[in-house]
Amino acid sequence: MESKATTQEKRTFREVYIFDMEILQNIFNKNSNVKAEDKMLFGIPFLLFEKDNKINSFASLILDEKNEIIFQIYDDGSLTNEDRTIFNEYIQNFLEKKRNANFNNPEQLRQSTEHFVHCLSF
């Protein structure tokens, strides 16, 4: 009798730490050509997605054209549709619980993003 080994991918979500920034910048750079005007699209990263102990995507708070707070997911190209759906649902639940200024005040997010992007010195 033949049996096939199945491997289950380990998916984890966690908040972003400062020591993650280099990896997140690399993922962001794969997604854009990082022109001066694009730097603000990096936003404020707040959640990341790890699969098999490797960071492969992150969610960042940004401002849209209407100056409303939204999130953007950036990935390294390995995110499947299923992964994206699961991550998106996790983000939605996470955001429902957050109440600090970066999550609710567009002006605060803009100022924080400008300061953060400057500190990262893209």
PDB file of N, CA and C in Angstrom:
ATOM      1  N   MET A   1       0.827  -1.167   0.000  1.00  0.00           N
ATOM      2  CA  MET A   1       0.000   0.000   0.000  1.00  0.00           C
ATOM      3  C   MET A   1       0.884   1.248   0.000  1.00  0.00           C
ATOM      4  N   GLU A   2       0.584   2.109  -0.909  1.00  0.00           N
ATOM      5  CA  GLU A   2       1.372   3.315  -1.075  1.00  0.00           C
ATOM      6  C   GLU A   2       0.739   4.472  -0.315  1.00  0.00           C
ATOM      7  N   SER A   3       1.558   5.223   0.369  1.00  0.00           N
ATOM      8  CA  SER A   3       1.016   6.399   1.058  1.00  0.00           C
ATOM      9  C   SER A   3       1.841   7.615   0.660  1.00  0.00           C
ATOM     10  N   LYS A   4       1.175   8.715   0.611  1.00  0.00           N
ATOM     11  CA  LYS A   4       1.845   9.956   0.252  1.00  0.00           C
ATOM     12  C   LYS A   4       1.938  10.830   1.499  1.00  0.00           C
ATOM     13  N   ALA A   5       3.098  11.377   1.683  1.00  0.00           N
ATOM     14  CA  ALA A   5       3.276  12.302   2.801  1.00  0.00           C
ATOM     15  C   ALA A   5       2.676  13.648   2.407  1.00  0.00           C
ATOM     16  N   THR A   6       1.923  14.187   3.297  1.00  0.00           N
ATOM     17  CA  THR A   6       1.376  15.509   3.029  1.00  0.00           C
ATOM     18  C   THR A   6       2.088  16.521   3.914  1.00  0.00           C
ATOM     19  N   THR A   7       2.379  17.638   3.350  1.00  0.00           N
ATOM     20  CA  THR A   7       3.012  18.693   4.130  1.00  0.00           C
ATOM     21  C   THR A   7       2.006  19.813   4.311  1.00  0.00           C
ATOM     22  N   GLN A   8       1.907  20.242   5.520  1.00  0.00           N
ATOM     23  CA  GLN A   8       1.003  21.339   5.828  1.00  0.00           C
ATOM     24  C   GLN A   8       1.846  22.587   6.038  1.00  0.00           C
ATOM     25  N   GLU A   9       1.509  23.600   5.284  1.00  0.00           N
ATOM     26  CA  GLU A   9       2.240  24.844   5.404  1.00  0.00           C
ATOM     27  C   GLU A   9       1.879  25.521   6.713  1.00  0.00           C
ATOM     28  N   LYS A  10       2.874  26.037   7.372  1.00  0.00           N
ATOM     29  CA  LYS A  10       2.642  26.741   8.623  1.00  0.00           C
ATOM     30  C   LYS A  10       2.484  28.225   8.313  1.00  0.00           C
ATOM     31  N   ARG A  11       1.292  28.750   8.571  1.00  0.00           N
ATOM     32  CA  ARG A  11       1.001  30.167   8.351  1.00  0.00           C
ATOM     33  C   ARG A  11       0.889  30.862   9.699  1.00  0.00           C
ATOM     34  N   THR A  12       1.572  31.968   9.820  1.00  0.00           N
ATOM     35  CA  THR A  12       1.446  32.768  11.043  1.00  0.00           C
ATOM     36  C   THR A  12       1.333  34.242  10.673  1.00  0.00           C
ATOM     37  N   PHE A  13       0.670  34.970  11.541  1.00  0.00           N
ATOM     38  CA  PHE A  13       0.518  36.412  11.401  1.00  0.00           C
ATOM     39  C   PHE A  13       1.055  37.033  12.671  1.00  0.00           C
ATOM     40  N   ARG A  14       1.688  38.173  12.528  1.00  0.00           N
ATOM     41  CA  ARG A  14       2.142  38.889  13.711  1.00  0.00           C
ATOM     42  C   ARG A  14       2.322  40.349  13.370  1.00  0.00           C
ATOM     43  N   GLU A  15       2.390  41.157  14.435  1.00  0.00           N
ATOM     44  CA  GLU A  15       2.634  42.575  14.241  1.00  0.00           C
ATOM     45  C   GLU A  15       4.079  42.771  13.796  1.00  0.00           C
ATOM     46  N   VAL A  16       4.326  43.879  13.153  1.00  0.00           N
ATOM     47  CA  VAL A  16       5.643  44.193  12.608  1.00  0.00           C
ATOM     48  C   VAL A  16       6.544  44.750  13.707  1.00  0.00           C
ATOM     49  N   TYR A  17       7.801  44.328  13.682  1.00  0.00           N
ATOM     50  CA  TYR A  17       8.816  44.844  14.594  1.00  0.00           C
ATOM     51  C   TYR A  17       9.862  45.597  13.783  1.00  0.00           C
ATOM     52  N   ILE A  18      10.593  46.451  14.437  1.00  0.00           N
ATOM     53  CA  ILE A  18      11.599  47.264  13.751  1.00  0.00           C
ATOM     54  C   ILE A  18      12.639  46.386  13.051  1.00  0.00           C
ATOM     55  N   PHE A  19      12.981  45.250  13.625  1.00  0.00           N
ATOM     56  CA  PHE A  19      13.988  44.405  12.996  1.00  0.00           C
ATOM     57  C   PHE A  19      13.485  43.727  11.721  1.00  0.00           C
ATOM     58  N   ASP A  20      12.199  43.855  11.408  1.00  0.00           N
ATOM     59  CA  ASP A  20      11.640  43.320  10.160  1.00  0.00           C
ATOM     60  C   ASP A  20      11.823  44.276   8.984  1.00  0.00           C
ATOM     61  N   MET A  21      12.207  45.525   9.245  1.00  0.00           N
ATOM     62  CA  MET A  21      12.156  46.565   8.219  1.00  0.00           C
ATOM     63  C   MET A  21      12.968  46.256   6.966  1.00  0.00           C
ATOM     64  N   GLU A  22      14.141  45.680   7.110  1.00  0.00           N
ATOM     65  CA  GLU A  22      14.952  45.383   5.927  1.00  0.00           C
ATOM     66  C   GLU A  22      14.230  44.414   4.996  1.00  0.00           C
ATOM     67  N   ILE A  23      13.648  43.371   5.554  1.00  0.00           N
ATOM     68  CA  ILE A  23      12.902  42.400   4.749  1.00  0.00           C
ATOM     69  C   ILE A  23      11.691  43.068   4.108  1.00  0.00           C
ATOM     70  N   LEU A  24      10.971  43.890   4.873  1.00  0.00           N
ATOM     71  CA  LEU A  24       9.788  44.563   4.345  1.00  0.00           C
ATOM     72  C   LEU A  24      10.156  45.543   3.240  1.00  0.00           C
ATOM     73  N   GLN A  25      11.249  46.252   3.390  1.00  0.00           N
ATOM     74  CA  GLN A  25      11.702  47.158   2.334  1.00  0.00           C
ATOM     75  C   GLN A  25      12.024  46.375   1.060  1.00  0.00           C
ATOM     76  N   ASN A  26      12.650  45.219   1.204  1.00  0.00           N
ATOM     77  CA  ASN A  26      12.965  44.390   0.038  1.00  0.00           C
ATOM     78  C   ASN A  26      11.696  43.931  -0.666  1.00  0.00           C
ATOM     79  N   ILE A  27      10.701  43.522   0.108  1.00  0.00           N
ATOM     80  CA  ILE A  27       9.418  43.106  -0.482  1.00  0.00           C
ATOM     81  C   ILE A  27       8.773  44.295  -1.183  1.00  0.00           C
ATOM     82  N   PHE A  28       8.769  45.457  -0.540  1.00  0.00           N
ATOM     83  CA  PHE A  28       8.188  46.658  -1.133  1.00  0.00           C
ATOM     84  C   PHE A  28       8.891  47.013  -2.438  1.00  0.00           C
ATOM     85  N   ASN A  29      10.215  46.946  -2.438  1.00  0.00           N
ATOM     86  CA  ASN A  29      10.983  47.292  -3.635  1.00  0.00           C
ATOM     87  C   ASN A  29      10.679  46.357  -4.801  1.00  0.00           C
ATOM     88  N   LYS A  30      10.346  45.102  -4.512  1.00  0.00           N
ATOM     89  CA  LYS A  30       9.955  44.166  -5.572  1.00  0.00           C
ATOM     90  C   LYS A  30       8.619  44.563  -6.191  1.00  0.00           C
ATOM     91  N   ASN A  31       7.794  45.285  -5.440  1.00  0.00           N
ATOM     92  CA  ASN A  31       6.454  45.658  -5.876  1.00  0.00           C
ATOM     93  C   ASN A  31       6.394  47.019  -6.560  1.00  0.00           C
ATOM     94  N   SER A  32       7.426  47.804  -6.454  1.00  0.00           N
ATOM     95  CA  SER A  32       7.401  49.132  -7.061  1.00  0.00           C
ATOM     96  C   SER A  32       8.802  49.525  -7.466  1.00  0.00           C
ATOM     97  N   ASN A  33       8.874  50.526  -8.281  1.00  0.00           N
ATOM     98  CA  ASN A  33      10.181  51.036  -8.696  1.00  0.00           C
ATOM     99  C   ASN A  33      10.671  52.137  -7.764  1.00  0.00           C
ATOM    100  N   VAL A  34       9.963  52.376  -6.693  1.00  0.00           N
ATOM    101  CA  VAL A  34      10.296  53.329  -5.639  1.00  0.00           C
ATOM    102  C   VAL A  34      10.797  54.666  -6.184  1.00  0.00           C
ATOM    103  N   LYS A  35       9.923  55.343  -6.861  1.00  0.00           N
ATOM    104  CA  LYS A  35      10.196  56.721  -7.254  1.00  0.00           C
ATOM    105  C   LYS A  35       9.938  57.574  -6.021  1.00  0.00           C
ATOM    106  N   ALA A  36      10.391  58.789  -6.046  1.00  0.00           N
ATOM    107  CA  ALA A  36      10.243  59.669  -4.879  1.00  0.00           C
ATOM    108  C   ALA A  36       8.797  59.739  -4.418  1.00  0.00           C
ATOM    109  N   GLU A  37       7.856  59.840  -5.364  1.00  0.00           N
ATOM    110  CA  GLU A  37       6.451  59.956  -4.978  1.00  0.00           C
ATOM    111  C   GLU A  37       5.869  58.630  -4.464  1.00  0.00           C
ATOM    112  N   ASP A  38       6.521  57.521  -4.756  1.00  0.00           N
ATOM    113  CA  ASP A  38       6.028  56.215  -4.318  1.00  0.00           C
ATOM    114  C   ASP A  38       6.418  55.876  -2.885  1.00  0.00           C
ATOM    115  N   LYS A  39       7.378  56.566  -2.321  1.00  0.00           N
ATOM    116  CA  LYS A  39       7.860  56.227  -0.983  1.00  0.00           C
ATOM    117  C   LYS A  39       6.753  56.253   0.056  1.00  0.00           C
ATOM    118  N   MET A  40       5.809  57.166  -0.089  1.00  0.00           N
ATOM    119  CA  MET A  40       4.714  57.251   0.871  1.00  0.00           C
ATOM    120  C   MET A  40       3.822  56.012   0.799  1.00  0.00           C
ATOM    121  N   LEU A  41       3.867  55.283  -0.307  1.00  0.00           N
ATOM    122  CA  LEU A  41       3.071  54.064  -0.438  1.00  0.00           C
ATOM    123  C   LEU A  41       3.575  52.951   0.478  1.00  0.00           C
ATOM    124  N   PHE A  42       4.796  53.099   0.989  1.00  0.00           N
ATOM    125  CA  PHE A  42       5.292  52.130   1.970  1.00  0.00           C
ATOM    126  C   PHE A  42       4.417  52.182   3.209  1.00  0.00           C
ATOM    127  N   GLY A  43       3.942  53.389   3.528  1.00  0.00           N
ATOM    128  CA  GLY A  43       3.015  53.558   4.633  1.00  0.00           C
ATOM    129  C   GLY A  43       3.608  53.165   5.966  1.00  0.00           C
ATOM    130  N   ILE A  44       2.723  52.704   6.836  1.00  0.00           N
ATOM    131  CA  ILE A  44       3.121  52.211   8.145  1.00  0.00           C
ATOM    132  C   ILE A  44       2.793  50.716   8.191  1.00  0.00           C
ATOM    133  N   PRO A  45       3.817  49.868   8.027  1.00  0.00           N
ATOM    134  CA  PRO A  45       3.566  48.422   8.101  1.00  0.00           C
ATOM    135  C   PRO A  45       3.085  48.049   9.503  1.00  0.00           C
ATOM    136  N   PHE A  46       2.048  47.204   9.558  1.00  0.00           N
ATOM    137  CA  PHE A  46       1.505  46.859  10.876  1.00  0.00           C
ATOM    138  C   PHE A  46       1.334  45.368  11.082  1.00  0.00           C
ATOM    139  N   LEU A  47       1.164  44.601  10.037  1.00  0.00           N
ATOM    140  CA  LEU A  47       1.039  43.150  10.164  1.00  0.00           C
ATOM    141  C   LEU A  47       1.863  42.465   9.086  1.00  0.00           C
ATOM    142  N   LEU A  48       2.397  41.304   9.426  1.00  0.00           N
ATOM    143  CA  LEU A  48       3.063  40.524   8.398  1.00  0.00           C
ATOM    144  C   LEU A  48       2.583  39.090   8.421  1.00  0.00           C
ATOM    145  N   PHE A  49       2.826  38.430   7.316  1.00  0.00           N
ATOM    146  CA  PHE A  49       2.392  37.059   7.083  1.00  0.00           C
ATOM    147  C   PHE A  49       3.643  36.224   6.871  1.00  0.00           C
ATOM    148  N   GLU A  50       3.776  35.187   7.673  1.00  0.00           N
ATOM    149  CA  GLU A  50       4.904  34.267   7.530  1.00  0.00           C
ATOM    150  C   GLU A  50       4.365  32.910   7.113  1.00  0.00           C
ATOM    151  N   LYS A  51       5.045  32.315   6.178  1.00  0.00           N
ATOM    152  CA  LYS A  51       4.684  30.977   5.733  1.00  0.00           C
ATOM    153  C   LYS A  51       5.947  30.141   5.814  1.00  0.00           C
ATOM    154  N   ASP A  52       5.854  29.053   6.534  1.00  0.00           N
ATOM    155  CA  ASP A  52       7.010  28.191   6.768  1.00  0.00           C
ATOM    156  C   ASP A  52       8.200  28.982   7.310  1.00  0.00           C
ATOM    157  N   ASN A  53       7.917  29.841   8.285  1.00  0.00           N
ATOM    158  CA  ASN A  53       8.922  30.644   8.994  1.00  0.00           C
ATOM    159  C   ASN A  53       9.653  31.643   8.101  1.00  0.00           C
ATOM    160  N   LYS A  54       9.047  32.054   6.998  1.00  0.00           N
ATOM    161  CA  LYS A  54       9.633  33.056   6.104  1.00  0.00           C
ATOM    162  C   LYS A  54       8.610  34.160   5.874  1.00  0.00           C
ATOM    163  N   ILE A  55       9.019  35.397   6.097  1.00  0.00           N
ATOM    164  CA  ILE A  55       8.123  36.526   5.835  1.00  0.00           C
ATOM    165  C   ILE A  55       7.939  36.634   4.331  1.00  0.00           C
ATOM    166  N   ASN A  56       6.680  36.546   3.886  1.00  0.00           N
ATOM    167  CA  ASN A  56       6.462  36.673   2.448  1.00  0.00           C
ATOM    168  C   ASN A  56       5.513  37.799   2.084  1.00  0.00           C
ATOM    169  N   SER A  57       4.895  38.453   3.062  1.00  0.00           N
ATOM    170  CA  SER A  57       4.048  39.599   2.759  1.00  0.00           C
ATOM    171  C   SER A  57       3.799  40.413   4.019  1.00  0.00           C
ATOM    172  N   PHE A  58       3.357  41.655   3.779  1.00  0.00           N
ATOM    173  CA  PHE A  58       3.005  42.508   4.906  1.00  0.00           C
ATOM    174  C   PHE A  58       1.882  43.442   4.493  1.00  0.00           C
ATOM    175  N   ALA A  59       1.176  43.928   5.500  1.00  0.00           N
ATOM    176  CA  ALA A  59       0.103  44.893   5.291  1.00  0.00           C
ATOM    177  C   ALA A  59       0.571  46.231   5.845  1.00  0.00           C
ATOM    178  N   SER A  60       0.261  47.283   5.096  1.00  0.00           N
ATOM    179  CA  SER A  60       0.693  48.616   5.470  1.00  0.00           C
ATOM    180  C   SER A  60      -0.475  49.581   5.383  1.00  0.00           C
ATOM    181  N   LEU A  61      -0.568  50.482   6.356  1.00  0.00           N
ATOM    182  CA  LEU A  61      -1.587  51.523   6.319  1.00  0.00           C
ATOM    183  C   LEU A  61      -1.125  52.634   5.389  1.00  0.00           C
ATOM    184  N   ILE A  62      -1.985  53.026   4.462  1.00  0.00           N
ATOM    185  CA  ILE A  62      -1.673  54.121   3.554  1.00  0.00           C
ATOM    186  C   ILE A  62      -2.911  55.000   3.396  1.00  0.00           C
ATOM    187  N   LEU A  63      -2.726  56.155   2.770  1.00  0.00           N
ATOM    188  CA  LEU A  63      -3.841  57.040   2.448  1.00  0.00           C
ATOM    189  C   LEU A  63      -4.167  56.897   0.969  1.00  0.00           C
ATOM    190  N   ASP A  64      -5.447  56.790   0.656  1.00  0.00           N
ATOM    191  CA  ASP A  64      -5.854  56.716  -0.750  1.00  0.00           C
ATOM    192  C   ASP A  64      -6.033  58.125  -1.325  1.00  0.00           C
ATOM    193  N   GLU A  65      -6.509  58.194  -2.571  1.00  0.00           N
ATOM    194  CA  GLU A  65      -6.686  59.480  -3.257  1.00  0.00           C
ATOM    195  C   GLU A  65      -7.668  60.399  -2.540  1.00  0.00           C
ATOM    196  N   LYS A  66      -8.597  59.821  -1.782  1.00  0.00           N
ATOM    197  CA  LYS A  66      -9.606  60.609  -1.066  1.00  0.00           C
ATOM    198  C   LYS A  66      -9.160  60.967   0.347  1.00  0.00           C
ATOM    199  N   ASN A  67      -7.883  60.687   0.648  1.00  0.00           N
ATOM    200  CA  ASN A  67      -7.315  60.936   1.974  1.00  0.00           C
ATOM    201  C   ASN A  67      -7.977  60.066   3.047  1.00  0.00           C
ATOM    202  N   GLU A  68      -8.382  58.870   2.651  1.00  0.00           N
ATOM    203  CA  GLU A  68      -8.952  57.908   3.590  1.00  0.00           C
ATOM    204  C   GLU A  68      -7.926  56.822   3.877  1.00  0.00           C
ATOM    205  N   ILE A  69      -7.957  56.320   5.102  1.00  0.00           N
ATOM    206  CA  ILE A  69      -7.017  55.279   5.513  1.00  0.00           C
ATOM    207  C   ILE A  69      -7.472  53.928   4.961  1.00  0.00           C
ATOM    208  N   ILE A  70      -6.554  53.286   4.261  1.00  0.00           N
ATOM    209  CA  ILE A  70      -6.788  51.941   3.741  1.00  0.00           C
ATOM    210  C   ILE A  70      -5.539  51.116   4.035  1.00  0.00           C
ATOM    211  N   PHE A  71      -5.580  49.844   3.714  1.00  0.00           N
ATOM    212  CA  PHE A  71      -4.361  49.055   3.831  1.00  0.00           C
ATOM    213  C   PHE A  71      -4.001  48.488   2.470  1.00  0.00           C
ATOM    214  N   GLN A  72      -2.720  48.246   2.301  1.00  0.00           N
ATOM    215  CA  GLN A  72      -2.190  47.655   1.078  1.00  0.00           C
ATOM    216  C   GLN A  72      -1.372  46.441   1.481  1.00  0.00           C
ATOM    217  N   ILE A  73      -1.526  45.359   0.742  1.00  0.00           N
ATOM    218  CA  ILE A  73      -0.717  44.165   0.978  1.00  0.00           C
ATOM    219  C   ILE A  73       0.393  44.127  -0.061  1.00  0.00           C
ATOM    220  N   TYR A  74       1.604  43.969   0.413  1.00  0.00           N
ATOM    221  CA  TYR A  74       2.768  43.798  -0.464  1.00  0.00           C
ATOM    222  C   TYR A  74       3.304  42.393  -0.218  1.00  0.00           C
ATOM    223  N   ASP A  75       3.649  41.685  -1.295  1.00  0.00           N
ATOM    224  CA  ASP A  75       4.178  40.331  -1.120  1.00  0.00           C
ATOM    225  C   ASP A  75       5.371  40.103  -2.034  1.00  0.00           C
ATOM    226  N   ASP A  76       6.080  39.030  -1.743  1.00  0.00           N
ATOM    227  CA  ASP A  76       7.295  38.716  -2.494  1.00  0.00           C
ATOM    228  C   ASP A  76       7.020  37.887  -3.745  1.00  0.00           C
ATOM    229  N   GLY A  77       5.760  37.696  -4.081  1.00  0.00           N
ATOM    230  CA  GLY A  77       5.397  36.926  -5.271  1.00  0.00           C
ATOM    231  C   GLY A  77       4.988  35.495  -4.967  1.00  0.00           C
ATOM    232  N   SER A  78       5.149  35.074  -3.726  1.00  0.00           N
ATOM    233  CA  SER A  78       4.817  33.692  -3.381  1.00  0.00           C
ATOM    234  C   SER A  78       3.450  33.549  -2.724  1.00  0.00           C
ATOM    235  N   LEU A  79       2.729  34.649  -2.570  1.00  0.00           N
ATOM    236  CA  LEU A  79       1.422  34.621  -1.919  1.00  0.00           C
ATOM    237  C   LEU A  79       0.380  34.025  -2.879  1.00  0.00           C
ATOM    238  N   THR A  80      -0.261  32.956  -2.452  1.00  0.00           N
ATOM    239  CA  THR A  80      -1.305  32.346  -3.273  1.00  0.00           C
ATOM    240  C   THR A  80      -2.622  33.093  -3.064  1.00  0.00           C
ATOM    241  N   ASN A  81      -3.594  32.820  -3.906  1.00  0.00           N
ATOM    242  CA  ASN A  81      -4.912  33.432  -3.727  1.00  0.00           C
ATOM    243  C   ASN A  81      -5.505  33.055  -2.376  1.00  0.00           C
ATOM    244  N   GLU A  82      -5.330  31.807  -1.976  1.00  0.00           N
ATOM    245  CA  GLU A  82      -5.828  31.356  -0.672  1.00  0.00           C
ATOM    246  C   GLU A  82      -5.128  32.110   0.461  1.00  0.00           C
ATOM    247  N   ASP A  83      -3.799  32.248   0.357  1.00  0.00           N
ATOM    248  CA  ASP A  83      -3.044  32.995   1.360  1.00  0.00           C
ATOM    249  C   ASP A  83      -3.538  34.437   1.441  1.00  0.00           C
ATOM    250  N   ARG A  84      -3.741  35.061   0.289  1.00  0.00           N
ATOM    251  CA  ARG A  84      -4.188  36.455   0.246  1.00  0.00           C
ATOM    252  C   ARG A  84      -5.551  36.602   0.914  1.00  0.00           C
ATOM    253  N   THR A  85      -6.457  35.664   0.647  1.00  0.00           N
ATOM    254  CA  THR A  85      -7.788  35.704   1.255  1.00  0.00           C
ATOM    255  C   THR A  85      -7.695  35.565   2.770  1.00  0.00           C
ATOM    256  N   ILE A  86      -6.912  34.619   3.238  1.00  0.00           N
ATOM    257  CA  ILE A  86      -6.743  34.387   4.676  1.00  0.00           C
ATOM    258  C   ILE A  86      -6.109  35.607   5.340  1.00  0.00           C
ATOM    259  N   PHE A  87      -5.075  36.163   4.712  1.00  0.00           N
ATOM    260  CA  PHE A  87      -4.400  37.339   5.262  1.00  0.00           C
ATOM    261  C   PHE A  87      -5.354  38.532   5.290  1.00  0.00           C
ATOM    262  N   ASN A  88      -6.100  38.727   4.222  1.00  0.00           N
ATOM    263  CA  ASN A  88      -7.056  39.825   4.139  1.00  0.00           C
ATOM    264  C   ASN A  88      -8.100  39.732   5.263  1.00  0.00           C
ATOM    265  N   GLU A  89      -8.622  38.554   5.513  1.00  0.00           N
ATOM    266  CA  GLU A  89      -9.598  38.359   6.592  1.00  0.00           C
ATOM    267  C   GLU A  89      -8.973  38.656   7.956  1.00  0.00           C
ATOM    268  N   TYR A  90      -7.736  38.211   8.141  1.00  0.00           N
ATOM    269  CA  TYR A  90      -7.043  38.463   9.404  1.00  0.00           C
ATOM    270  C   TYR A  90      -6.858  39.972   9.619  1.00  0.00           C
ATOM    271  N   ILE A  91      -6.466  40.670   8.557  1.00  0.00           N
ATOM    272  CA  ILE A  91      -6.271  42.115   8.632  1.00  0.00           C
ATOM    273  C   ILE A  91      -7.580  42.813   9.003  1.00  0.00           C
ATOM    274  N   GLN A  92      -8.667  42.425   8.355  1.00  0.00           N
ATOM    275  CA  GLN A  92      -9.972  43.043   8.635  1.00  0.00           C
ATOM    276  C   GLN A  92     -10.330  42.890  10.111  1.00  0.00           C
ATOM    277  N   ASN A  93     -10.147  41.703  10.652  1.00  0.00           N
ATOM    278  CA  ASN A  93     -10.432  41.469  12.071  1.00  0.00           C
ATOM    279  C   ASN A  93      -9.510  42.287  12.967  1.00  0.00           C
ATOM    280  N   PHE A  94      -8.258  42.363  12.608  1.00  0.00           N
ATOM    281  CA  PHE A  94      -7.278  43.122  13.377  1.00  0.00           C
ATOM    282  C   PHE A  94      -7.652  44.605  13.421  1.00  0.00           C
ATOM    283  N   LEU A  95      -8.016  45.162  12.259  1.00  0.00           N
ATOM    284  CA  LEU A  95      -8.330  46.587  12.170  1.00  0.00           C
ATOM    285  C   LEU A  95      -9.593  46.957  12.945  1.00  0.00           C
ATOM    286  N   GLU A  96     -10.517  46.033  13.053  1.00  0.00           N
ATOM    287  CA  GLU A  96     -11.735  46.300  13.822  1.00  0.00           C
ATOM    288  C   GLU A  96     -11.428  46.547  15.296  1.00  0.00           C
ATOM    289  N   LYS A  97     -10.309  46.017  15.767  1.00  0.00           N
ATOM    290  CA  LYS A  97      -9.949  46.127  17.179  1.00  0.00           C
ATOM    291  C   LYS A  97      -9.032  47.310  17.481  1.00  0.00           C
ATOM    292  N   LYS A  98      -8.418  47.889  16.466  1.00  0.00           N
ATOM    293  CA  LYS A  98      -7.454  48.971  16.685  1.00  0.00           C
ATOM    294  C   LYS A  98      -8.139  50.321  16.756  1.00  0.00           C
ATOM    295  N   ARG A  99      -7.706  51.139  17.685  1.00  0.00           N
ATOM    296  CA  ARG A  99      -8.327  52.445  17.866  1.00  0.00           C
ATOM    297  C   ARG A  99      -7.312  53.586  17.973  1.00  0.00           C
ATOM    298  N   ASN A 100      -6.021  53.336  17.795  1.00  0.00           N
ATOM    299  CA  ASN A 100      -5.077  54.445  17.958  1.00  0.00           C
ATOM    300  C   ASN A 100      -5.076  55.358  16.733  1.00  0.00           C
ATOM    301  N   ALA A 101      -4.419  56.501  16.833  1.00  0.00           N
ATOM    302  CA  ALA A 101      -4.512  57.562  15.822  1.00  0.00           C
ATOM    303  C   ALA A 101      -4.066  57.134  14.432  1.00  0.00           C
ATOM    304  N   ASN A 102      -3.010  56.344  14.321  1.00  0.00           N
ATOM    305  CA  ASN A 102      -2.554  55.941  12.989  1.00  0.00           C
ATOM    306  C   ASN A 102      -3.610  55.118  12.253  1.00  0.00           C
ATOM    307  N   PHE A 103      -4.467  54.454  12.974  1.00  0.00           N
ATOM    308  CA  PHE A 103      -5.491  53.624  12.350  1.00  0.00           C
ATOM    309  C   PHE A 103      -6.779  54.403  12.067  1.00  0.00           C
ATOM    310  N   ASN A 104      -6.916  55.605  12.628  1.00  0.00           N
ATOM    311  CA  ASN A 104      -8.181  56.337  12.517  1.00  0.00           C
ATOM    312  C   ASN A 104      -8.063  57.794  12.089  1.00  0.00           C
ATOM    313  N   ASN A 105      -6.888  58.386  12.164  1.00  0.00           N
ATOM    314  CA  ASN A 105      -6.719  59.804  11.882  1.00  0.00           C
ATOM    315  C   ASN A 105      -5.818  59.971  10.654  1.00  0.00           C
ATOM    316  N   PRO A 106      -6.377  60.369   9.504  1.00  0.00           N
ATOM    317  CA  PRO A 106      -5.583  60.492   8.280  1.00  0.00           C
ATOM    318  C   PRO A 106      -4.386  61.442   8.405  1.00  0.00           C
ATOM    319  N   GLU A 107      -4.562  62.561   9.082  1.00  0.00           N
ATOM    320  CA  GLU A 107      -3.453  63.511   9.226  1.00  0.00           C
ATOM    321  C   GLU A 107      -2.335  62.904  10.066  1.00  0.00           C
ATOM    322  N   GLN A 108      -2.688  62.211  11.128  1.00  0.00           N
ATOM    323  CA  GLN A 108      -1.687  61.539  11.967  1.00  0.00           C
ATOM    324  C   GLN A 108      -0.943  60.472  11.162  1.00  0.00           C
ATOM    325  N   LEU A 109      -1.675  59.715  10.352  1.00  0.00           N
ATOM    326  CA  LEU A 109      -1.039  58.684   9.528  1.00  0.00           C
ATOM    327  C   LEU A 109      -0.092  59.319   8.515  1.00  0.00           C
ATOM    328  N   ARG A 110      -0.502  60.410   7.885  1.00  0.00           N
ATOM    329  CA  ARG A 110       0.356  61.085   6.907  1.00  0.00           C
ATOM    330  C   ARG A 110       1.655  61.549   7.568  1.00  0.00           C
ATOM    331  N   GLN A 111       1.549  62.191   8.727  1.00  0.00           N
ATOM    332  CA  GLN A 111       2.736  62.677   9.436  1.00  0.00           C
ATOM    333  C   GLN A 111       3.628  61.518   9.883  1.00  0.00           C
ATOM    334  N   SER A 112       3.013  60.476  10.416  1.00  0.00           N
ATOM    335  CA  SER A 112       3.781  59.309  10.868  1.00  0.00           C
ATOM    336  C   SER A 112       4.494  58.644   9.693  1.00  0.00           C
ATOM    337  N   THR A 113       3.798  58.541   8.574  1.00  0.00           N
ATOM    338  CA  THR A 113       4.395  57.918   7.388  1.00  0.00           C
ATOM    339  C   THR A 113       5.569  58.740   6.878  1.00  0.00           C
ATOM    340  N   GLU A 114       5.402  60.052   6.793  1.00  0.00           N
ATOM    341  CA  GLU A 114       6.500  60.909   6.343  1.00  0.00           C
ATOM    342  C   GLU A 114       7.727  60.734   7.231  1.00  0.00           C
ATOM    343  N   HIS A 115       7.510  60.753   8.525  1.00  0.00           N
ATOM    344  CA  HIS A 115       8.614  60.596   9.471  1.00  0.00           C
ATOM    345  C   HIS A 115       9.251  59.200   9.342  1.00  0.00           C
ATOM    346  N   PHE A 116       8.414  58.186   9.264  1.00  0.00           N
ATOM    347  CA  PHE A 116       8.901  56.809   9.188  1.00  0.00           C
ATOM    348  C   PHE A 116       9.709  56.573   7.916  1.00  0.00           C
ATOM    349  N   VAL A 117       9.172  57.013   6.778  1.00  0.00           N
ATOM    350  CA  VAL A 117       9.873  56.823   5.502  1.00  0.00           C
ATOM    351  C   VAL A 117      11.195  57.582   5.501  1.00  0.00           C
ATOM    352  N   HIS A 118      11.196  58.775   6.081  1.00  0.00           N
ATOM    353  CA  HIS A 118      12.446  59.546   6.184  1.00  0.00           C
ATOM    354  C   HIS A 118      13.476  58.787   7.029  1.00  0.00           C
ATOM    355  N   CYS A 119      13.043  58.221   8.138  1.00  0.00           N
ATOM    356  CA  CYS A 119      13.948  57.474   9.016  1.00  0.00           C
ATOM    357  C   CYS A 119      14.519  56.230   8.332  1.00  0.00           C
ATOM    358  N   LEU A 120      13.714  55.606   7.466  1.00  0.00           N
ATOM    359  CA  LEU A 120      14.188  54.407   6.764  1.00  0.00           C
ATOM    360  C   LEU A 120      15.203  54.753   5.686  1.00  0.00           C
ATOM    361  N   SER A 121      15.193  55.998   5.246  1.00  0.00           N
ATOM    362  CA  SER A 121      16.053  56.507   4.172  1.00  0.00           C
ATOM    363  C   SER A 121      16.149  55.541   2.996  1.00  0.00           C
ATOM    364  N   PHE A 122      15.032  55.442   2.307  1.00  0.00           N
ATOM    365  CA  PHE A 122      14.972  54.620   1.089  1.00  0.00           C
ATOM    366  C   PHE A 122      16.054  55.036   0.143  1.00  0.00           C
TER     367      PHE A 122
END
